[in-house]
Structure formats: C-alpha cells, structure tokens
Amino acid sequence: MPVVPHPPYSPDLAPCDFFLFPKMKLKLKERRFKTLQEIETESQRVLHMLQQKDFQGTFEAWQKRWGHCIKSQGDYFEGNGGKLYIM
C-alpha cells in the first residue's frame, strides 16, 4: 500500500474529521445513553450502516483535499459548503 505524505496533523486531510465523525454525530445527536456499553453498541451499529459508496465518495473528497493542500503548499485551508478556501 503506498504511503501518501501529508502534514503531521491536518484536520482538512483526516477522513475521520471530515467524514466519519460528522456522520456519527448526526446519527447519535440528541440521544442519551445510560452506559458506556450502550454508546459502544450504538456507535458500532452506525458504523455498520456505512456502505461502500460512502467510502468511495470520501476517498474522492480526500483526493480533492490533497490537491488543495498541495496548491496551498501545506498552509492551512478550511472547508466551506463543499468548497475549500486557502487561508
């Protein structure tokens, strides 16, 4: 598997930050859990609902974000309504 170089930490390039966590937050929003086990069970259920097309779309968005990172020469950029702006 090829390794893709990128800045040590960039939330713009971390798929968990721009894809996974927002999806999970939407599904778990406004819910109350009594135990950690309930949280774990429901989180796993949400993860299992993701489909291959979700991951394919994420990979394509990730590639676009790489391009923006390269274009900005590693400087910070931020997503805004599907468009990425270099700060």
PDB file of N, CA and C in Angstrom:
ATOM      1  N   MET A   1       0.847  -1.166   0.000  1.00  0.00           N
ATOM      2  CA  MET A   1       0.000   0.000   0.000  1.00  0.00           C
ATOM      3  C   MET A   1       0.897   1.235   0.000  1.00  0.00           C
ATOM      4  N   PRO A   2       0.679   2.156  -0.934  1.00  0.00           N
ATOM      5  CA  PRO A   2       1.509   3.366  -0.967  1.00  0.00           C
ATOM      6  C   PRO A   2       1.178   4.295   0.206  1.00  0.00           C
ATOM      7  N   VAL A   3       2.185   4.979   0.678  1.00  0.00           N
ATOM      8  CA  VAL A   3       2.022   5.950   1.755  1.00  0.00           C
ATOM      9  C   VAL A   3       1.918   7.325   1.122  1.00  0.00           C
ATOM     10  N   VAL A   4       0.911   8.088   1.532  1.00  0.00           N
ATOM     11  CA  VAL A   4       0.698   9.422   0.981  1.00  0.00           C
ATOM     12  C   VAL A   4       1.232  10.437   1.985  1.00  0.00           C
ATOM     13  N   PRO A   5       2.268  11.190   1.622  1.00  0.00           N
ATOM     14  CA  PRO A   5       2.799  12.180   2.557  1.00  0.00           C
ATOM     15  C   PRO A   5       1.832  13.353   2.725  1.00  0.00           C
ATOM     16  N   HIS A   6       1.679  13.799   3.949  1.00  0.00           N
ATOM     17  CA  HIS A   6       0.870  14.983   4.230  1.00  0.00           C
ATOM     18  C   HIS A   6       1.340  15.573   5.545  1.00  0.00           C
ATOM     19  N   PRO A   7       0.899  16.784   5.870  1.00  0.00           N
ATOM     20  CA  PRO A   7       1.343  17.411   7.112  1.00  0.00           C
ATOM     21  C   PRO A   7       1.070  16.503   8.311  1.00  0.00           C
ATOM     22  N   PRO A   8       1.868  16.616   9.388  1.00  0.00           N
ATOM     23  CA  PRO A   8       1.731  15.729  10.551  1.00  0.00           C
ATOM     24  C   PRO A   8       0.303  15.649  11.087  1.00  0.00           C
ATOM     25  N   TYR A   9      -0.391  16.756  11.149  1.00  0.00           N
ATOM     26  CA  TYR A   9      -1.796  16.719  11.538  1.00  0.00           C
ATOM     27  C   TYR A   9      -2.517  17.814  10.796  1.00  0.00           C
ATOM     28  N   SER A  10      -3.456  17.422  10.016  1.00  0.00           N
ATOM     29  CA  SER A  10      -4.267  18.392   9.309  1.00  0.00           C
ATOM     30  C   SER A  10      -5.705  17.901   9.324  1.00  0.00           C
ATOM     31  N   PRO A  11      -6.590  18.551  10.075  1.00  0.00           N
ATOM     32  CA  PRO A  11      -7.982  18.100  10.094  1.00  0.00           C
ATOM     33  C   PRO A  11      -8.631  18.165   8.721  1.00  0.00           C
ATOM     34  N   ASP A  12      -8.087  18.980   7.833  1.00  0.00           N
ATOM     35  CA  ASP A  12      -8.615  19.038   6.482  1.00  0.00           C
ATOM     36  C   ASP A  12      -8.321  17.762   5.706  1.00  0.00           C
ATOM     37  N   LEU A  13      -7.321  16.997   6.150  1.00  0.00           N
ATOM     38  CA  LEU A  13      -6.928  15.789   5.436  1.00  0.00           C
ATOM     39  C   LEU A  13      -7.261  14.511   6.189  1.00  0.00           C
ATOM     40  N   ALA A  14      -7.771  14.598   7.387  1.00  0.00           N
ATOM     41  CA  ALA A  14      -8.093  13.413   8.177  1.00  0.00           C
ATOM     42  C   ALA A  14      -9.531  12.970   7.887  1.00  0.00           C
ATOM     43  N   PRO A  15      -9.711  11.831   7.198  1.00  0.00           N
ATOM     44  CA  PRO A  15     -11.064  11.385   6.857  1.00  0.00           C
ATOM     45  C   PRO A  15     -11.996  11.248   8.064  1.00  0.00           C
ATOM     46  N   CYS A  16     -11.464  10.902   9.211  1.00  0.00           N
ATOM     47  CA  CYS A  16     -12.318  10.807  10.398  1.00  0.00           C
ATOM     48  C   CYS A  16     -12.914  12.163  10.738  1.00  0.00           C
ATOM     49  N   ASP A  17     -12.142  13.232  10.546  1.00  0.00           N
ATOM     50  CA  ASP A  17     -12.613  14.578  10.893  1.00  0.00           C
ATOM     51  C   ASP A  17     -13.634  15.113   9.901  1.00  0.00           C
ATOM     52  N   PHE A  18     -13.459  14.846   8.602  1.00  0.00           N
ATOM     53  CA  PHE A  18     -14.384  15.437   7.634  1.00  0.00           C
ATOM     54  C   PHE A  18     -15.456  14.472   7.150  1.00  0.00           C
ATOM     55  N   PHE A  19     -15.375  13.196   7.528  1.00  0.00           N
ATOM     56  CA  PHE A  19     -16.361  12.229   7.073  1.00  0.00           C
ATOM     57  C   PHE A  19     -16.982  11.428   8.214  1.00  0.00           C
ATOM     58  N   LEU A  20     -16.162  10.682   8.904  1.00  0.00           N
ATOM     59  CA  LEU A  20     -16.690   9.715   9.871  1.00  0.00           C
ATOM     60  C   LEU A  20     -17.350  10.364  11.081  1.00  0.00           C
ATOM     61  N   PHE A  21     -16.650  11.263  11.768  1.00  0.00           N
ATOM     62  CA  PHE A  21     -17.206  11.869  12.982  1.00  0.00           C
ATOM     63  C   PHE A  21     -18.487  12.667  12.704  1.00  0.00           C
ATOM     64  N   PRO A  22     -18.537  13.479  11.641  1.00  0.00           N
ATOM     65  CA  PRO A  22     -19.791  14.183  11.367  1.00  0.00           C
ATOM     66  C   PRO A  22     -20.966  13.233  11.099  1.00  0.00           C
ATOM     67  N   LYS A  23     -20.711  12.136  10.369  1.00  0.00           N
ATOM     68  CA  LYS A  23     -21.778  11.165  10.114  1.00  0.00           C
ATOM     69  C   LYS A  23     -22.269  10.550  11.416  1.00  0.00           C
ATOM     70  N   MET A  24     -21.343  10.180  12.283  1.00  0.00           N
ATOM     71  CA  MET A  24     -21.718   9.570  13.556  1.00  0.00           C
ATOM     72  C   MET A  24     -22.472  10.566  14.432  1.00  0.00           C
ATOM     73  N   LYS A  25     -22.000  11.805  14.453  1.00  0.00           N
ATOM     74  CA  LYS A  25     -22.663  12.826  15.276  1.00  0.00           C
ATOM     75  C   LYS A  25     -24.110  13.023  14.842  1.00  0.00           C
ATOM     76  N   LEU A  26     -24.363  13.003  13.542  1.00  0.00           N
ATOM     77  CA  LEU A  26     -25.729  13.172  13.047  1.00  0.00           C
ATOM     78  C   LEU A  26     -26.644  12.048  13.536  1.00  0.00           C
ATOM     79  N   LYS A  27     -26.134  10.823  13.505  1.00  0.00           N
ATOM     80  CA  LYS A  27     -26.940   9.667  13.904  1.00  0.00           C
ATOM     81  C   LYS A  27     -27.135   9.568  15.418  1.00  0.00           C
ATOM     82  N   LEU A  28     -26.172  10.076  16.188  1.00  0.00           N
ATOM     83  CA  LEU A  28     -26.233   9.952  17.645  1.00  0.00           C
ATOM     84  C   LEU A  28     -26.742  11.226  18.324  1.00  0.00           C
ATOM     85  N   LYS A  29     -26.991  12.237  17.533  1.00  0.00           N
ATOM     86  CA  LYS A  29     -27.404  13.549  18.020  1.00  0.00           C
ATOM     87  C   LYS A  29     -28.680  13.458  18.880  1.00  0.00           C
ATOM     88  N   GLU A  30     -28.679  14.214  19.976  1.00  0.00           N
ATOM     89  CA  GLU A  30     -29.828  14.354  20.879  1.00  0.00           C
ATOM     90  C   GLU A  30     -30.272  13.034  21.512  1.00  0.00           C
ATOM     91  N   ARG A  31     -29.375  12.083  21.619  1.00  0.00           N
ATOM     92  CA  ARG A  31     -29.696  10.810  22.259  1.00  0.00           C
ATOM     93  C   ARG A  31     -28.987  10.745  23.598  1.00  0.00           C
ATOM     94  N   ARG A  32     -29.576  10.068  24.542  1.00  0.00           N
ATOM     95  CA  ARG A  32     -28.988   9.873  25.870  1.00  0.00           C
ATOM     96  C   ARG A  32     -28.713   8.389  26.063  1.00  0.00           C
ATOM     97  N   PHE A  33     -27.559   8.103  26.626  1.00  0.00           N
ATOM     98  CA  PHE A  33     -27.172   6.726  26.884  1.00  0.00           C
ATOM     99  C   PHE A  33     -26.885   6.564  28.373  1.00  0.00           C
ATOM    100  N   LYS A  34     -27.284   5.438  28.922  1.00  0.00           N
ATOM    101  CA  LYS A  34     -27.103   5.201  30.352  1.00  0.00           C
ATOM    102  C   LYS A  34     -25.763   4.555  30.674  1.00  0.00           C
ATOM    103  N   THR A  35     -25.211   3.815  29.725  1.00  0.00           N
ATOM    104  CA  THR A  35     -23.951   3.115  29.989  1.00  0.00           C
ATOM    105  C   THR A  35     -22.987   3.291  28.821  1.00  0.00           C
ATOM    106  N   LEU A  36     -21.724   3.036  29.084  1.00  0.00           N
ATOM    107  CA  LEU A  36     -20.720   3.063  28.019  1.00  0.00           C
ATOM    108  C   LEU A  36     -21.003   1.958  26.999  1.00  0.00           C
ATOM    109  N   GLN A  37     -21.505   0.830  27.472  1.00  0.00           N
ATOM    110  CA  GLN A  37     -21.830  -0.279  26.573  1.00  0.00           C
ATOM    111  C   GLN A  37     -22.901   0.140  25.557  1.00  0.00           C
ATOM    112  N   GLU A  38     -23.887   0.911  25.994  1.00  0.00           N
ATOM    113  CA  GLU A  38     -24.916   1.402  25.068  1.00  0.00           C
ATOM    114  C   GLU A  38     -24.306   2.314  24.006  1.00  0.00           C
ATOM    115  N   ILE A  39     -23.389   3.154  24.420  1.00  0.00           N
ATOM    116  CA  ILE A  39     -22.715   4.052  23.466  1.00  0.00           C
ATOM    117  C   ILE A  39     -21.926   3.233  22.459  1.00  0.00           C
ATOM    118  N   GLU A  40     -21.188   2.265  22.951  1.00  0.00           N
ATOM    119  CA  GLU A  40     -20.373   1.421  22.070  1.00  0.00           C
ATOM    120  C   GLU A  40     -21.254   0.642  21.094  1.00  0.00           C
ATOM    121  N   THR A  41     -22.317   0.058  21.584  1.00  0.00           N
ATOM    122  CA  THR A  41     -23.214  -0.724  20.737  1.00  0.00           C
ATOM    123  C   THR A  41     -23.841   0.143  19.648  1.00  0.00           C
ATOM    124  N   GLU A  42     -24.332   1.302  20.021  1.00  0.00           N
ATOM    125  CA  GLU A  42     -24.972   2.182  19.045  1.00  0.00           C
ATOM    126  C   GLU A  42     -23.958   2.749  18.055  1.00  0.00           C
ATOM    127  N   SER A  43     -22.758   3.059  18.514  1.00  0.00           N
ATOM    128  CA  SER A  43     -21.700   3.548  17.617  1.00  0.00           C
ATOM    129  C   SER A  43     -21.338   2.478  16.591  1.00  0.00           C
ATOM    130  N   GLN A  44     -21.234   1.245  17.036  1.00  0.00           N
ATOM    131  CA  GLN A  44     -20.928   0.151  16.103  1.00  0.00           C
ATOM    132  C   GLN A  44     -22.052  -0.049  15.094  1.00  0.00           C
ATOM    133  N   ARG A  45     -23.290   0.110  15.550  1.00  0.00           N
ATOM    134  CA  ARG A  45     -24.435  -0.019  14.643  1.00  0.00           C
ATOM    135  C   ARG A  45     -24.360   1.055  13.547  1.00  0.00           C
ATOM    136  N   VAL A  46     -24.043   2.284  13.947  1.00  0.00           N
ATOM    137  CA  VAL A  46     -23.922   3.375  12.976  1.00  0.00           C
ATOM    138  C   VAL A  46     -22.795   3.087  11.991  1.00  0.00           C
ATOM    139  N   LEU A  47     -21.669   2.616  12.480  1.00  0.00           N
ATOM    140  CA  LEU A  47     -20.538   2.298  11.600  1.00  0.00           C
ATOM    141  C   LEU A  47     -20.895   1.196  10.607  1.00  0.00           C
ATOM    142  N   HIS A  48     -21.637   0.199  11.059  1.00  0.00           N
ATOM    143  CA  HIS A  48     -22.008  -0.911  10.182  1.00  0.00           C
ATOM    144  C   HIS A  48     -23.016  -0.493   9.115  1.00  0.00           C
ATOM    145  N   MET A  49     -23.690   0.628   9.316  1.00  0.00           N
ATOM    146  CA  MET A  49     -24.657   1.128   8.331  1.00  0.00           C
ATOM    147  C   MET A  49     -23.966   1.793   7.134  1.00  0.00           C
ATOM    148  N   LEU A  50     -22.710   2.165   7.295  1.00  0.00           N
ATOM    149  CA  LEU A  50     -21.992   2.810   6.189  1.00  0.00           C
ATOM    150  C   LEU A  50     -21.823   1.816   5.047  1.00  0.00           C
ATOM    151  N   GLN A  51     -21.957   2.327   3.839  1.00  0.00           N
ATOM    152  CA  GLN A  51     -21.869   1.480   2.656  1.00  0.00           C
ATOM    153  C   GLN A  51     -20.611   1.802   1.865  1.00  0.00           C
ATOM    154  N   GLN A  52     -20.292   0.921   0.945  1.00  0.00           N
ATOM    155  CA  GLN A  52     -19.098   1.092   0.126  1.00  0.00           C
ATOM    156  C   GLN A  52     -19.115   2.436  -0.597  1.00  0.00           C
ATOM    157  N   LYS A  53     -20.274   2.877  -1.076  1.00  0.00           N
ATOM    158  CA  LYS A  53     -20.356   4.148  -1.808  1.00  0.00           C
ATOM    159  C   LYS A  53     -19.996   5.331  -0.901  1.00  0.00           C
ATOM    160  N   ASP A  54     -20.284   5.211   0.412  1.00  0.00           N
ATOM    161  CA  ASP A  54     -19.899   6.260   1.353  1.00  0.00           C
ATOM    162  C   ASP A  54     -18.377   6.410   1.389  1.00  0.00           C
ATOM    163  N   PHE A  55     -17.710   5.275   1.438  1.00  0.00           N
ATOM    164  CA  PHE A  55     -16.249   5.308   1.499  1.00  0.00           C
ATOM    165  C   PHE A  55     -15.646   5.749   0.177  1.00  0.00           C
ATOM    166  N   GLN A  56     -16.253   5.363  -0.937  1.00  0.00           N
ATOM    167  CA  GLN A  56     -15.756   5.793  -2.243  1.00  0.00           C
ATOM    168  C   GLN A  56     -15.854   7.307  -2.372  1.00  0.00           C
ATOM    169  N   GLY A  57     -16.988   7.875  -1.964  1.00  0.00           N
ATOM    170  CA  GLY A  57     -17.153   9.323  -2.011  1.00  0.00           C
ATOM    171  C   GLY A  57     -16.146  10.029  -1.119  1.00  0.00           C
ATOM    172  N   THR A  58     -15.866   9.433   0.019  1.00  0.00           N
ATOM    173  CA  THR A  58     -14.895  10.003   0.938  1.00  0.00           C
ATOM    174  C   THR A  58     -13.498   9.991   0.328  1.00  0.00           C
ATOM    175  N   PHE A  59     -13.149   8.892  -0.337  1.00  0.00           N
ATOM    176  CA  PHE A  59     -11.836   8.806  -0.964  1.00  0.00           C
ATOM    177  C   PHE A  59     -11.690   9.878  -2.047  1.00  0.00           C
ATOM    178  N   GLU A  60     -12.752  10.099  -2.811  1.00  0.00           N
ATOM    179  CA  GLU A  60     -12.707  11.131  -3.852  1.00  0.00           C
ATOM    180  C   GLU A  60     -12.568  12.525  -3.232  1.00  0.00           C
ATOM    181  N   ALA A  61     -13.298  12.783  -2.141  1.00  0.00           N
ATOM    182  CA  ALA A  61     -13.169  14.081  -1.452  1.00  0.00           C
ATOM    183  C   ALA A  61     -11.769  14.237  -0.876  1.00  0.00           C
ATOM    184  N   TRP A  62     -11.214  13.144  -0.378  1.00  0.00           N
ATOM    185  CA  TRP A  62      -9.868  13.158   0.194  1.00  0.00           C
ATOM    186  C   TRP A  62      -8.848  13.550  -0.876  1.00  0.00           C
ATOM    187  N   GLN A  63      -9.005  12.997  -2.074  1.00  0.00           N
ATOM    188  CA  GLN A  63      -8.100  13.344  -3.173  1.00  0.00           C
ATOM    189  C   GLN A  63      -8.180  14.833  -3.493  1.00  0.00           C
ATOM    190  N   LYS A  64      -9.379  15.400  -3.507  1.00  0.00           N
ATOM    191  CA  LYS A  64      -9.527  16.838  -3.765  1.00  0.00           C
ATOM    192  C   LYS A  64      -8.835  17.652  -2.672  1.00  0.00           C
ATOM    193  N   ARG A  65      -8.960  17.197  -1.436  1.00  0.00           N
ATOM    194  CA  ARG A  65      -8.323  17.903  -0.323  1.00  0.00           C
ATOM    195  C   ARG A  65      -6.801  17.847  -0.447  1.00  0.00           C
ATOM    196  N   TRP A  66      -6.270  16.709  -0.919  1.00  0.00           N
ATOM    197  CA  TRP A  66      -4.820  16.638  -1.153  1.00  0.00           C
ATOM    198  C   TRP A  66      -4.408  17.723  -2.137  1.00  0.00           C
ATOM    199  N   GLY A  67      -5.190  17.851  -3.214  1.00  0.00           N
ATOM    200  CA  GLY A  67      -4.880  18.860  -4.232  1.00  0.00           C
ATOM    201  C   GLY A  67      -4.863  20.262  -3.656  1.00  0.00           C
ATOM    202  N   HIS A  68      -5.842  20.564  -2.787  1.00  0.00           N
ATOM    203  CA  HIS A  68      -5.874  21.884  -2.150  1.00  0.00           C
ATOM    204  C   HIS A  68      -4.667  22.083  -1.231  1.00  0.00           C
ATOM    205  N   CYS A  69      -4.273  21.014  -0.544  1.00  0.00           N
ATOM    206  CA  CYS A  69      -3.114  21.100   0.347  1.00  0.00           C
ATOM    207  C   CYS A  69      -1.842  21.368  -0.454  1.00  0.00           C
ATOM    208  N   ILE A  70      -1.704  20.669  -1.564  1.00  0.00           N
ATOM    209  CA  ILE A  70      -0.532  20.870  -2.422  1.00  0.00           C
ATOM    210  C   ILE A  70      -0.542  22.286  -2.988  1.00  0.00           C
ATOM    211  N   LYS A  71      -1.723  22.722  -3.447  1.00  0.00           N
ATOM    212  CA  LYS A  71      -1.849  24.068  -4.018  1.00  0.00           C
ATOM    213  C   LYS A  71      -1.500  25.149  -2.994  1.00  0.00           C
ATOM    214  N   SER A  72      -1.856  24.910  -1.729  1.00  0.00           N
ATOM    215  CA  SER A  72      -1.566  25.893  -0.679  1.00  0.00           C
ATOM    216  C   SER A  72      -0.174  25.698  -0.091  1.00  0.00           C
ATOM    217  N   GLN A  73       0.575  24.746  -0.638  1.00  0.00           N
ATOM    218  CA  GLN A  73       1.929  24.426  -0.189  1.00  0.00           C
ATOM    219  C   GLN A  73       1.962  24.074   1.300  1.00  0.00           C
ATOM    220  N   GLY A  74       0.930  23.340   1.725  1.00  0.00           N
ATOM    221  CA  GLY A  74       0.881  22.858   3.104  1.00  0.00           C
ATOM    222  C   GLY A  74       0.290  23.829   4.094  1.00  0.00           C
ATOM    223  N   ASP A  75      -0.032  25.064   3.664  1.00  0.00           N
ATOM    224  CA  ASP A  75      -0.660  26.016   4.572  1.00  0.00           C
ATOM    225  C   ASP A  75      -2.074  25.554   4.894  1.00  0.00           C
ATOM    226  N   TYR A  76      -2.611  26.063   5.979  1.00  0.00           N
ATOM    227  CA  TYR A  76      -3.948  25.694   6.422  1.00  0.00           C
ATOM    228  C   TYR A  76      -5.007  26.168   5.434  1.00  0.00           C
ATOM    229  N   PHE A  77      -5.974  25.334   5.176  1.00  0.00           N
ATOM    230  CA  PHE A  77      -7.140  25.729   4.395  1.00  0.00           C
ATOM    231  C   PHE A  77      -8.366  25.125   5.076  1.00  0.00           C
ATOM    232  N   GLU A  78      -9.508  25.702   4.814  1.00  0.00           N
ATOM    233  CA  GLU A  78     -10.711  25.305   5.545  1.00  0.00           C
ATOM    234  C   GLU A  78     -11.843  25.006   4.569  1.00  0.00           C
ATOM    235  N   GLY A  79     -12.649  23.992   4.880  1.00  0.00           N
ATOM    236  CA  GLY A  79     -13.807  23.664   4.055  1.00  0.00           C
ATOM    237  C   GLY A  79     -14.953  24.609   4.351  1.00  0.00           C
ATOM    238  N   ASN A  80     -15.713  24.940   3.310  1.00  0.00           N
ATOM    239  CA  ASN A  80     -16.853  25.834   3.486  1.00  0.00           C
ATOM    240  C   ASN A  80     -17.897  25.467   2.434  1.00  0.00           C
ATOM    241  N   GLY A  81     -18.941  24.761   2.849  1.00  0.00           N
ATOM    242  CA  GLY A  81     -20.014  24.414   1.928  1.00  0.00           C
ATOM    243  C   GLY A  81     -19.570  23.613   0.720  1.00  0.00           C
ATOM    244  N   GLY A  82     -18.625  22.708   0.926  1.00  0.00           N
ATOM    245  CA  GLY A  82     -18.161  21.887  -0.181  1.00  0.00           C
ATOM    246  C   GLY A  82     -17.026  22.522  -0.965  1.00  0.00           C
ATOM    247  N   LYS A  83     -16.757  23.797  -0.738  1.00  0.00           N
ATOM    248  CA  LYS A  83     -15.641  24.470  -1.407  1.00  0.00           C
ATOM    249  C   LYS A  83     -14.547  24.688  -0.374  1.00  0.00           C
ATOM    250  N   LEU A  84     -13.325  24.494  -0.800  1.00  0.00           N
ATOM    251  CA  LEU A  84     -12.198  24.685   0.117  1.00  0.00           C
ATOM    252  C   LEU A  84     -11.514  25.995  -0.203  1.00  0.00           C
ATOM    253  N   TYR A  85     -11.317  26.773   0.828  1.00  0.00           N
ATOM    254  CA  TYR A  85     -10.671  28.065   0.673  1.00  0.00           C
ATOM    255  C   TYR A  85      -9.314  28.036   1.351  1.00  0.00           C
ATOM    256  N   ILE A  86      -8.326  28.547   0.691  1.00  0.00           N
ATOM    257  CA  ILE A  86      -6.999  28.646   1.277  1.00  0.00           C
ATOM    258  C   ILE A  86      -6.949  29.867   2.157  1.00  0.00           C
ATOM    259  N   MET A  87      -6.502  29.662   3.377  1.00  0.00           N
ATOM    260  CA  MET A  87      -6.481  30.753   4.356  1.00  0.00           C
ATOM    261  C   MET A  87      -5.151  31.473   4.285  1.00  0.00           C
TER     262      MET A  87
END
